[in-house]
């Protein structure tokens, strides 16, 4: 995997409700051949309805969630805009989270937090120190101040607290907090995941995209590989097996087999990438 990383590009602004929608609509309205024009033009603050500093943050989050690339709205971006433009379905939030948590190059801190930070109970300071060690191990040149700010923004995005605003207002600013993946209580952050809260189609889609050409996928790969979804959701192996069993019960292009106590997932490599998401959003 590339050693490219991205830290602090959000300018301390967490992903907020409406930003994905605003960004896509502004791009469609501009009808420019260059997406960068939408965010660098003189009327960018007007078309996006935010302050100047937030314009760059919106562009960053659109790229980090792979809703857009440097040149255009992606297939994923078009799909999301068509099926749930205003992120009213939690399934859309799960999709955005997985795009971030499995994206080492563009959302490095979120990738690290879910894939490489293994404390179940921690403070922002402890997470920041652990992230600093990870960055040093990779020989990345980033200031400690930027690293710690980055972690604080991410934790606030997933678990807002200590705010004078109401809980509803906090969640409106932090849509990913609705997933409940990180909770704050007793002065500490805690990872939390309920396997029943995520539609199995989201997982089926994720496996199909990240292991597209593989007929066989090991449980180890799903648990620990950068392309696997288990770490991004902080789930245990027994929870993983339960989710996979539900997928194979519903979709006959997936099969789960056990040989000498080792599970392997078999899949049809010809299945259309968006089959499972289309099934879910059509329901």
C-alpha atoms as a PDB file:
ATOM      1  CA  UNK A   1       0.000   0.000   0.000  1.00  0.00           C
ATOM      2  CA  UNK A   2       1.163   3.530  -0.720  1.00  0.00           C
ATOM      3  CA  UNK A   3       2.780   5.468   2.103  1.00  0.00           C
ATOM      4  CA  UNK A   4       0.817   8.578   1.115  1.00  0.00           C
ATOM      5  CA  UNK A   5      -1.065  10.171   4.015  1.00  0.00           C
ATOM      6  CA  UNK A   6      -3.469  13.048   4.618  1.00  0.00           C
ATOM      7  CA  UNK A   7      -3.687  14.723   8.013  1.00  0.00           C
ATOM      8  CA  UNK A   8      -5.431  17.977   8.980  1.00  0.00           C
ATOM      9  CA  UNK A   9      -6.814  18.856   5.539  1.00  0.00           C
ATOM     10  CA  UNK A  10     -10.277  19.481   7.035  1.00  0.00           C
ATOM     11  CA  UNK A  11      -8.961  22.647   8.646  1.00  0.00           C
ATOM     12  CA  UNK A  12     -10.455  21.569  12.007  1.00  0.00           C
ATOM     13  CA  UNK A  13     -13.981  21.375  10.534  1.00  0.00           C
ATOM     14  CA  UNK A  14     -15.689  18.018  10.996  1.00  0.00           C
ATOM     15  CA  UNK A  15     -17.984  16.585   8.343  1.00  0.00           C
ATOM     16  CA  UNK A  16     -21.414  18.156   8.838  1.00  0.00           C
ATOM     17  CA  UNK A  17     -24.907  17.372   7.694  1.00  0.00           C
ATOM     18  CA  UNK A  18     -25.689  18.999   4.389  1.00  0.00           C
ATOM     19  CA  UNK A  19     -22.093  19.250   3.216  1.00  0.00           C
ATOM     20  CA  UNK A  20     -22.194  16.200   0.944  1.00  0.00           C
ATOM     21  CA  UNK A  21     -25.438  17.458  -0.582  1.00  0.00           C
ATOM     22  CA  UNK A  22     -24.211  21.054  -0.889  1.00  0.00           C
ATOM     23  CA  UNK A  23     -21.021  19.929  -2.581  1.00  0.00           C
ATOM     24  CA  UNK A  24     -22.696  17.705  -5.160  1.00  0.00           C
ATOM     25  CA  UNK A  25     -25.367  20.287  -5.950  1.00  0.00           C
ATOM     26  CA  UNK A  26     -22.764  23.036  -6.353  1.00  0.00           C
ATOM     27  CA  UNK A  27     -20.737  20.872  -8.738  1.00  0.00           C
ATOM     28  CA  UNK A  28     -23.817  20.032 -10.795  1.00  0.00           C
ATOM     29  CA  UNK A  29     -24.888  23.683 -10.912  1.00  0.00           C
ATOM     30  CA  UNK A  30     -21.439  24.955 -11.921  1.00  0.00           C
ATOM     31  CA  UNK A  31     -21.211  22.600 -14.903  1.00  0.00           C
ATOM     32  CA  UNK A  32     -17.484  23.176 -15.058  1.00  0.00           C
ATOM     33  CA  UNK A  33     -14.964  20.783 -16.582  1.00  0.00           C
ATOM     34  CA  UNK A  34     -12.799  21.269 -13.506  1.00  0.00           C
ATOM     35  CA  UNK A  35     -14.204  20.398 -10.088  1.00  0.00           C
ATOM     36  CA  UNK A  36     -11.608  22.641  -8.456  1.00  0.00           C
ATOM     37  CA  UNK A  37     -13.356  25.652 -10.040  1.00  0.00           C
ATOM     38  CA  UNK A  38     -16.399  25.046  -7.835  1.00  0.00           C
ATOM     39  CA  UNK A  39     -14.312  25.495  -4.692  1.00  0.00           C
ATOM     40  CA  UNK A  40     -11.871  28.193  -5.836  1.00  0.00           C
ATOM     41  CA  UNK A  41     -14.202  30.555  -7.675  1.00  0.00           C
ATOM     42  CA  UNK A  42     -15.106  33.915  -6.186  1.00  0.00           C
ATOM     43  CA  UNK A  43     -18.709  32.832  -5.627  1.00  0.00           C
ATOM     44  CA  UNK A  44     -17.830  29.541  -3.865  1.00  0.00           C
ATOM     45  CA  UNK A  45     -18.998  30.803  -0.474  1.00  0.00           C
ATOM     46  CA  UNK A  46     -22.322  31.867  -1.978  1.00  0.00           C
ATOM     47  CA  UNK A  47     -22.975  28.664  -3.943  1.00  0.00           C
ATOM     48  CA  UNK A  48     -22.066  26.486  -0.947  1.00  0.00           C
ATOM     49  CA  UNK A  49     -23.636  28.752   1.667  1.00  0.00           C
ATOM     50  CA  UNK A  50     -20.682  28.568   4.069  1.00  0.00           C
ATOM     51  CA  UNK A  51     -17.697  30.632   5.118  1.00  0.00           C
ATOM     52  CA  UNK A  52     -14.447  30.675   3.136  1.00  0.00           C
ATOM     53  CA  UNK A  53     -12.582  28.267   5.438  1.00  0.00           C
ATOM     54  CA  UNK A  54     -15.425  25.760   5.263  1.00  0.00           C
ATOM     55  CA  UNK A  55     -15.320  25.661   1.469  1.00  0.00           C
ATOM     56  CA  UNK A  56     -11.967  23.875   1.561  1.00  0.00           C
ATOM     57  CA  UNK A  57     -13.267  21.543   4.283  1.00  0.00           C
ATOM     58  CA  UNK A  58     -16.269  20.534   2.174  1.00  0.00           C
ATOM     59  CA  UNK A  59     -14.014  19.761  -0.758  1.00  0.00           C
ATOM     60  CA  UNK A  60     -11.756  17.671   1.480  1.00  0.00           C
ATOM     61  CA  UNK A  61     -14.612  15.608   2.944  1.00  0.00           C
ATOM     62  CA  UNK A  62     -16.101  15.004  -0.505  1.00  0.00           C
ATOM     63  CA  UNK A  63     -12.764  13.636  -1.685  1.00  0.00           C
ATOM     64  CA  UNK A  64     -12.043  11.672   1.503  1.00  0.00           C
ATOM     65  CA  UNK A  65     -15.415   9.919   1.334  1.00  0.00           C
ATOM     66  CA  UNK A  66     -14.782   9.230  -2.359  1.00  0.00           C
ATOM     67  CA  UNK A  67     -17.965  11.064  -3.360  1.00  0.00           C
ATOM     68  CA  UNK A  68     -15.789  13.007  -5.804  1.00  0.00           C
ATOM     69  CA  UNK A  69     -12.275  12.615  -7.145  1.00  0.00           C
ATOM     70  CA  UNK A  70     -10.074  15.330  -8.569  1.00  0.00           C
ATOM     71  CA  UNK A  71     -12.019  15.403 -11.842  1.00  0.00           C
ATOM     72  CA  UNK A  72     -15.659  14.465 -11.317  1.00  0.00           C
ATOM     73  CA  UNK A  73     -18.423  13.073  -9.141  1.00  0.00           C
ATOM     74  CA  UNK A  74     -17.654   9.374  -8.704  1.00  0.00           C
ATOM     75  CA  UNK A  75     -19.994   6.447  -9.333  1.00  0.00           C
ATOM     76  CA  UNK A  76     -20.448   6.224  -5.563  1.00  0.00           C
ATOM     77  CA  UNK A  77     -21.260   9.944  -5.396  1.00  0.00           C
ATOM     78  CA  UNK A  78     -23.870   9.645  -8.133  1.00  0.00           C
ATOM     79  CA  UNK A  79     -25.394   6.589  -6.452  1.00  0.00           C
ATOM     80  CA  UNK A  80     -25.641   8.312  -3.083  1.00  0.00           C
ATOM     81  CA  UNK A  81     -27.071  11.477  -4.607  1.00  0.00           C
ATOM     82  CA  UNK A  82     -29.691   9.499  -6.517  1.00  0.00           C
ATOM     83  CA  UNK A  83     -30.799   7.252  -3.665  1.00  0.00           C
ATOM     84  CA  UNK A  84     -30.341   9.344  -0.519  1.00  0.00           C
ATOM     85  CA  UNK A  85     -29.159  12.845  -1.355  1.00  0.00           C
ATOM     86  CA  UNK A  86     -29.893  14.192   2.135  1.00  0.00           C
ATOM     87  CA  UNK A  87     -28.465  11.241   4.098  1.00  0.00           C
ATOM     88  CA  UNK A  88     -31.781  10.405   5.702  1.00  0.00           C
ATOM     89  CA  UNK A  89     -31.021   6.675   5.838  1.00  0.00           C
ATOM     90  CA  UNK A  90     -28.387   5.489   8.318  1.00  0.00           C
ATOM     91  CA  UNK A  91     -27.195   3.040   5.649  1.00  0.00           C
ATOM     92  CA  UNK A  92     -25.743   6.026   3.794  1.00  0.00           C
ATOM     93  CA  UNK A  93     -23.832   7.051   6.905  1.00  0.00           C
ATOM     94  CA  UNK A  94     -22.417   3.533   7.235  1.00  0.00           C
ATOM     95  CA  UNK A  95     -21.233   3.762   3.632  1.00  0.00           C
ATOM     96  CA  UNK A  96     -19.539   7.101   4.291  1.00  0.00           C
ATOM     97  CA  UNK A  97     -17.908   5.790   7.462  1.00  0.00           C
ATOM     98  CA  UNK A  98     -16.483   2.748   5.686  1.00  0.00           C
ATOM     99  CA  UNK A  99     -15.146   4.938   2.884  1.00  0.00           C
ATOM    100  CA  UNK A 100     -13.278   6.980   5.508  1.00  0.00           C
ATOM    101  CA  UNK A 101     -12.159   4.166   7.809  1.00  0.00           C
ATOM    102  CA  UNK A 102     -10.765   2.114   4.912  1.00  0.00           C
ATOM    103  CA  UNK A 103      -9.007   5.064   3.296  1.00  0.00           C
ATOM    104  CA  UNK A 104      -5.455   5.258   4.629  1.00  0.00           C
ATOM    105  CA  UNK A 105      -4.273   7.757   2.034  1.00  0.00           C
ATOM    106  CA  UNK A 106      -7.052  10.358   2.233  1.00  0.00           C
ATOM    107  CA  UNK A 107      -8.422  10.037   5.783  1.00  0.00           C
ATOM    108  CA  UNK A 108      -5.376   8.762   7.610  1.00  0.00           C
ATOM    109  CA  UNK A 109      -6.445   9.598  11.158  1.00  0.00           C
ATOM    110  CA  UNK A 110      -9.831   7.851  10.861  1.00  0.00           C
ATOM    111  CA  UNK A 111      -8.185   4.851   9.203  1.00  0.00           C
ATOM    112  CA  UNK A 112      -5.642   4.676  12.043  1.00  0.00           C
ATOM    113  CA  UNK A 113      -8.217   5.144  14.802  1.00  0.00           C
ATOM    114  CA  UNK A 114     -10.326   2.192  13.697  1.00  0.00           C
ATOM    115  CA  UNK A 115      -7.647  -0.100  12.261  1.00  0.00           C
ATOM    116  CA  UNK A 116      -4.598   0.419  14.465  1.00  0.00           C
ATOM    117  CA  UNK A 117      -5.703   1.893  17.790  1.00  0.00           C
ATOM    118  CA  UNK A 118      -6.719  -0.965  20.052  1.00  0.00           C
ATOM    119  CA  UNK A 119      -7.628   0.681  23.360  1.00  0.00           C
ATOM    120  CA  UNK A 120     -11.343   0.242  23.998  1.00  0.00           C
ATOM    121  CA  UNK A 121     -11.419   3.047  26.575  1.00  0.00           C
ATOM    122  CA  UNK A 122      -9.314   6.170  26.139  1.00  0.00           C
ATOM    123  CA  UNK A 123      -9.003   9.941  26.406  1.00  0.00           C
ATOM    124  CA  UNK A 124      -8.353  12.346  23.544  1.00  0.00           C
ATOM    125  CA  UNK A 125      -4.853  12.859  24.946  1.00  0.00           C
ATOM    126  CA  UNK A 126      -4.127   9.112  24.952  1.00  0.00           C
ATOM    127  CA  UNK A 127      -5.389   8.733  21.388  1.00  0.00           C
ATOM    128  CA  UNK A 128      -3.337  11.731  20.297  1.00  0.00           C
ATOM    129  CA  UNK A 129      -0.158  10.313  21.828  1.00  0.00           C
ATOM    130  CA  UNK A 130      -0.730   6.910  20.221  1.00  0.00           C
ATOM    131  CA  UNK A 131      -1.339   8.563  16.845  1.00  0.00           C
ATOM    132  CA  UNK A 132       1.865  10.560  17.255  1.00  0.00           C
ATOM    133  CA  UNK A 133       3.787   7.299  17.776  1.00  0.00           C
ATOM    134  CA  UNK A 134       2.188   5.782  14.669  1.00  0.00           C
ATOM    135  CA  UNK A 135       3.143   8.807  12.569  1.00  0.00           C
ATOM    136  CA  UNK A 136       6.737   8.688  13.837  1.00  0.00           C
ATOM    137  CA  UNK A 137       6.960   4.981  13.000  1.00  0.00           C
ATOM    138  CA  UNK A 138       5.993   5.851   9.426  1.00  0.00           C
ATOM    139  CA  UNK A 139       8.494   8.747   9.301  1.00  0.00           C
ATOM    140  CA  UNK A 140       5.821  11.246   8.340  1.00  0.00           C
ATOM    141  CA  UNK A 141       6.671  14.899   8.846  1.00  0.00           C
ATOM    142  CA  UNK A 142       3.668  16.392  10.658  1.00  0.00           C
ATOM    143  CA  UNK A 143       3.641  18.708  13.678  1.00  0.00           C
ATOM    144  CA  UNK A 144       2.394  17.307  16.973  1.00  0.00           C
ATOM    145  CA  UNK A 145      -0.089  20.178  17.226  1.00  0.00           C
ATOM    146  CA  UNK A 146      -1.665  19.233  13.881  1.00  0.00           C
ATOM    147  CA  UNK A 147      -1.834  15.549  14.854  1.00  0.00           C
ATOM    148  CA  UNK A 148      -3.568  16.188  18.141  1.00  0.00           C
ATOM    149  CA  UNK A 149      -5.974  18.655  16.543  1.00  0.00           C
ATOM    150  CA  UNK A 150      -6.799  16.073  13.895  1.00  0.00           C
ATOM    151  CA  UNK A 151      -7.663  13.425  16.484  1.00  0.00           C
ATOM    152  CA  UNK A 152      -9.803  15.845  18.499  1.00  0.00           C
ATOM    153  CA  UNK A 153     -11.789  16.784  15.384  1.00  0.00           C
ATOM    154  CA  UNK A 154     -12.388  13.125  14.519  1.00  0.00           C
ATOM    155  CA  UNK A 155     -13.472  12.217  18.043  1.00  0.00           C
ATOM    156  CA  UNK A 156     -15.822  15.213  18.092  1.00  0.00           C
ATOM    157  CA  UNK A 157     -17.240  14.127  14.748  1.00  0.00           C
ATOM    158  CA  UNK A 158     -18.041  10.621  15.961  1.00  0.00           C
ATOM    159  CA  UNK A 159     -18.979  11.475  19.537  1.00  0.00           C
ATOM    160  CA  UNK A 160     -19.817  15.152  20.226  1.00  0.00           C
ATOM    161  CA  UNK A 161     -19.972  16.194  23.880  1.00  0.00           C
ATOM    162  CA  UNK A 162     -19.305  19.041  26.279  1.00  0.00           C
ATOM    163  CA  UNK A 163     -21.310  21.384  24.116  1.00  0.00           C
ATOM    164  CA  UNK A 164     -23.660  24.187  25.031  1.00  0.00           C
ATOM    165  CA  UNK A 165     -25.838  23.031  22.149  1.00  0.00           C
ATOM    166  CA  UNK A 166     -28.529  20.440  22.479  1.00  0.00           C
ATOM    167  CA  UNK A 167     -27.774  16.824  21.617  1.00  0.00           C
ATOM    168  CA  UNK A 168     -29.952  17.094  18.510  1.00  0.00           C
ATOM    169  CA  UNK A 169     -27.995  20.110  17.260  1.00  0.00           C
ATOM    170  CA  UNK A 170     -24.717  18.305  17.914  1.00  0.00           C
ATOM    171  CA  UNK A 171     -25.847  15.326  15.865  1.00  0.00           C
ATOM    172  CA  UNK A 172     -27.044  17.552  13.050  1.00  0.00           C
ATOM    173  CA  UNK A 173     -23.509  18.890  12.853  1.00  0.00           C
ATOM    174  CA  UNK A 174     -21.995  15.406  13.206  1.00  0.00           C
ATOM    175  CA  UNK A 175     -24.020  12.867  11.195  1.00  0.00           C
ATOM    176  CA  UNK A 176     -21.509  10.072  11.824  1.00  0.00           C
ATOM    177  CA  UNK A 177     -22.190  10.352  15.555  1.00  0.00           C
ATOM    178  CA  UNK A 178     -25.592   8.764  14.858  1.00  0.00           C
ATOM    179  CA  UNK A 179     -23.807   5.473  14.183  1.00  0.00           C
ATOM    180  CA  UNK A 180     -22.784   5.200  17.826  1.00  0.00           C
ATOM    181  CA  UNK A 181     -19.342   3.805  16.990  1.00  0.00           C
ATOM    182  CA  UNK A 182     -17.666   5.962  19.621  1.00  0.00           C
ATOM    183  CA  UNK A 183     -19.390   6.989  22.832  1.00  0.00           C
ATOM    184  CA  UNK A 184     -18.258   9.390  25.512  1.00  0.00           C
ATOM    185  CA  UNK A 185     -19.038   8.783  29.163  1.00  0.00           C
ATOM    186  CA  UNK A 186     -17.259   8.805  32.531  1.00  0.00           C
ATOM    187  CA  UNK A 187     -14.647  11.140  31.078  1.00  0.00           C
ATOM    188  CA  UNK A 188     -13.506   8.627  28.439  1.00  0.00           C
ATOM    189  CA  UNK A 189     -14.234   7.629  24.854  1.00  0.00           C
ATOM    190  CA  UNK A 190     -15.378   4.062  24.222  1.00  0.00           C
ATOM    191  CA  UNK A 191     -15.643   2.085  20.985  1.00  0.00           C
ATOM    192  CA  UNK A 192     -19.091   0.583  20.539  1.00  0.00           C
ATOM    193  CA  UNK A 193     -20.767  -1.397  17.755  1.00  0.00           C
ATOM    194  CA  UNK A 194     -24.090  -3.209  17.503  1.00  0.00           C
ATOM    195  CA  UNK A 195     -23.975  -5.750  14.627  1.00  0.00           C
ATOM    196  CA  UNK A 196     -27.748  -5.458  14.245  1.00  0.00           C
ATOM    197  CA  UNK A 197     -27.494  -1.760  13.408  1.00  0.00           C
ATOM    198  CA  UNK A 198     -25.901  -2.112   9.978  1.00  0.00           C
ATOM    199  CA  UNK A 199     -27.784  -3.502   6.958  1.00  0.00           C
ATOM    200  CA  UNK A 200     -26.106  -6.646   5.630  1.00  0.00           C
ATOM    201  CA  UNK A 201     -26.239  -5.160   2.121  1.00  0.00           C
ATOM    202  CA  UNK A 202     -23.684  -2.564   3.212  1.00  0.00           C
ATOM    203  CA  UNK A 203     -21.278  -5.338   4.204  1.00  0.00           C
ATOM    204  CA  UNK A 204     -22.003  -7.426   1.087  1.00  0.00           C
ATOM    205  CA  UNK A 205     -21.281  -4.366  -1.057  1.00  0.00           C
ATOM    206  CA  UNK A 206     -18.087  -3.579   0.853  1.00  0.00           C
ATOM    207  CA  UNK A 207     -16.717  -7.092   0.385  1.00  0.00           C
ATOM    208  CA  UNK A 208     -17.683  -7.086  -3.281  1.00  0.00           C
ATOM    209  CA  UNK A 209     -15.879  -3.791  -3.905  1.00  0.00           C
ATOM    210  CA  UNK A 210     -12.727  -4.452  -1.890  1.00  0.00           C
ATOM    211  CA  UNK A 211     -12.260  -8.080  -2.956  1.00  0.00           C
ATOM    212  CA  UNK A 212     -13.784  -7.740  -6.408  1.00  0.00           C
ATOM    213  CA  UNK A 213     -11.633 -10.272  -8.238  1.00  0.00           C
ATOM    214  CA  UNK A 214     -11.304 -12.803  -5.420  1.00  0.00           C
ATOM    215  CA  UNK A 215     -13.403 -15.961  -5.488  1.00  0.00           C
ATOM    216  CA  UNK A 216     -12.319 -16.821  -1.945  1.00  0.00           C
ATOM    217  CA  UNK A 217     -11.841 -14.428   0.976  1.00  0.00           C
ATOM    218  CA  UNK A 218     -10.481 -15.622   4.293  1.00  0.00           C
ATOM    219  CA  UNK A 219     -11.908 -14.577   7.624  1.00  0.00           C
ATOM    220  CA  UNK A 220      -8.423 -13.361   8.518  1.00  0.00           C
ATOM    221  CA  UNK A 221      -8.480 -10.975   5.559  1.00  0.00           C
ATOM    222  CA  UNK A 222     -11.898  -9.641   6.535  1.00  0.00           C
ATOM    223  CA  UNK A 223     -10.702  -9.192  10.109  1.00  0.00           C
ATOM    224  CA  UNK A 224      -7.227  -7.741   9.641  1.00  0.00           C
ATOM    225  CA  UNK A 225      -6.558  -6.838   5.999  1.00  0.00           C
ATOM    226  CA  UNK A 226      -6.771  -3.131   5.102  1.00  0.00           C
ATOM    227  CA  UNK A 227      -9.513  -4.098   2.637  1.00  0.00           C
ATOM    228  CA  UNK A 228     -11.477  -5.927   5.331  1.00  0.00           C
ATOM    229  CA  UNK A 229     -14.414  -4.276   7.050  1.00  0.00           C
ATOM    230  CA  UNK A 230     -14.164  -5.779  10.558  1.00  0.00           C
ATOM    231  CA  UNK A 231     -11.520  -3.405  11.898  1.00  0.00           C
ATOM    232  CA  UNK A 232     -13.320  -0.397  10.427  1.00  0.00           C
ATOM    233  CA  UNK A 233     -16.350  -1.360  12.513  1.00  0.00           C
ATOM    234  CA  UNK A 234     -14.410  -2.616  15.565  1.00  0.00           C
ATOM    235  CA  UNK A 235     -16.178  -5.977  15.481  1.00  0.00           C
ATOM    236  CA  UNK A 236     -15.073  -9.318  16.893  1.00  0.00           C
ATOM    237  CA  UNK A 237     -14.662 -12.538  14.929  1.00  0.00           C
ATOM    238  CA  UNK A 238     -17.883 -14.127  16.245  1.00  0.00           C
ATOM    239  CA  UNK A 239     -19.814 -11.002  15.229  1.00  0.00           C
ATOM    240  CA  UNK A 240     -18.165 -11.186  11.802  1.00  0.00           C
ATOM    241  CA  UNK A 241     -19.270 -14.797  11.332  1.00  0.00           C
ATOM    242  CA  UNK A 242     -22.832 -13.906  12.343  1.00  0.00           C
ATOM    243  CA  UNK A 243     -22.956 -11.105   9.765  1.00  0.00           C
ATOM    244  CA  UNK A 244     -21.574 -13.359   7.028  1.00  0.00           C
ATOM    245  CA  UNK A 245     -24.123 -16.074   7.863  1.00  0.00           C
ATOM    246  CA  UNK A 246     -26.915 -13.544   7.374  1.00  0.00           C
ATOM    247  CA  UNK A 247     -25.473 -12.520   4.006  1.00  0.00           C
ATOM    248  CA  UNK A 248     -25.233 -16.086   2.679  1.00  0.00           C
ATOM    249  CA  UNK A 249     -28.750 -16.833   3.885  1.00  0.00           C
ATOM    250  CA  UNK A 250     -30.112 -13.956   1.824  1.00  0.00           C
ATOM    251  CA  UNK A 251     -27.828 -13.921  -1.238  1.00  0.00           C
ATOM    252  CA  UNK A 252     -26.897 -17.079  -3.114  1.00  0.00           C
ATOM    253  CA  UNK A 253     -23.805 -15.570  -4.729  1.00  0.00           C
ATOM    254  CA  UNK A 254     -22.060 -15.755  -1.338  1.00  0.00           C
ATOM    255  CA  UNK A 255     -21.173 -19.032   0.409  1.00  0.00           C
ATOM    256  CA  UNK A 256     -19.552 -19.612   3.793  1.00  0.00           C
ATOM    257  CA  UNK A 257     -17.674 -22.865   4.346  1.00  0.00           C
ATOM    258  CA  UNK A 258     -15.797 -24.275   7.298  1.00  0.00           C
ATOM    259  CA  UNK A 259     -12.861 -26.607   6.798  1.00  0.00           C
ATOM    260  CA  UNK A 260     -10.980 -27.900   9.847  1.00  0.00           C
ATOM    261  CA  UNK A 261     -12.373 -25.048  11.915  1.00  0.00           C
ATOM    262  CA  UNK A 262     -11.300 -22.386   9.406  1.00  0.00           C
ATOM    263  CA  UNK A 263     -13.998 -20.313   7.710  1.00  0.00           C
ATOM    264  CA  UNK A 264     -13.721 -19.157   4.108  1.00  0.00           C
ATOM    265  CA  UNK A 265     -16.108 -16.919   2.224  1.00  0.00           C
ATOM    266  CA  UNK A 266     -16.772 -17.864  -1.401  1.00  0.00           C
ATOM    267  CA  UNK A 267     -18.236 -15.293  -3.772  1.00  0.00           C
ATOM    268  CA  UNK A 268     -19.255 -14.795  -7.366  1.00  0.00           C
ATOM    269  CA  UNK A 269     -16.753 -12.454  -9.020  1.00  0.00           C
ATOM    270  CA  UNK A 270     -19.221 -11.517 -11.762  1.00  0.00           C
ATOM    271  CA  UNK A 271     -21.763  -9.919  -9.395  1.00  0.00           C
ATOM    272  CA  UNK A 272     -22.386  -6.261 -10.192  1.00  0.00           C
ATOM    273  CA  UNK A 273     -20.684  -3.982  -7.668  1.00  0.00           C
ATOM    274  CA  UNK A 274     -23.857  -2.124  -6.721  1.00  0.00           C
ATOM    275  CA  UNK A 275     -26.291  -5.059  -6.732  1.00  0.00           C
ATOM    276  CA  UNK A 276     -26.643  -5.221  -2.956  1.00  0.00           C
ATOM    277  CA  UNK A 277     -27.012  -1.483  -2.423  1.00  0.00           C
ATOM    278  CA  UNK A 278     -29.652  -1.277  -5.152  1.00  0.00           C
ATOM    279  CA  UNK A 279     -31.567  -4.097  -3.440  1.00  0.00           C
ATOM    280  CA  UNK A 280     -31.448  -2.233  -0.134  1.00  0.00           C
ATOM    281  CA  UNK A 281     -32.454   1.211  -1.383  1.00  0.00           C
ATOM    282  CA  UNK A 282     -35.203  -0.197  -3.575  1.00  0.00           C
ATOM    283  CA  UNK A 283     -36.848  -1.923  -0.595  1.00  0.00           C
END
